[in-house]
Amino acid sequence: MHKMIEMVKALKGIGVQFDEKNLKECLHQYEIKQRARELIDLAKKKELDLSKDIVKASIAAVIINYDDLKDDLEASMFNLMKVSDPIILKTIKKTEEFKQLLYILGEAVDRRSYYSQKHSY
């Protein structure tokens, strides 16, 4: 992530202009994807069943709170899997982080990019 920020600064330094709002959104999405991939790899190493909602919700919750939990991601993920409150699970499943996790796992299709493109027929 730091390399990307440095690259953006370098490009700005030579006069390249960006839509700041779009740039921040893109960097945030990139960060979510990187964190999700890291936690998916951790879950696979621990042989967790990624098809279970509680595992995916725990991963999403760690992604959301990554900066606070980064010192012990594994323990945080296991502790969150003990939470079985259906309201909490439903809430986590509505987050952008959970949706991004589903895209990465291939359990959902992101149609936003398809429909946002201009098609000429």
Foldseek 3Di string as FASTA:
>chain_A
DVVVVVVVVVCVVVPDDDPVVVVVVVVVLVLLLVQLVVLVVVCVVVPHDPVDLLLLLLSLVCSVVVVVCVVPSPVSSVVSSVDDPPVSSVVSCPDPSSVSSCVVVVNDDDCPVVVVDDDDD
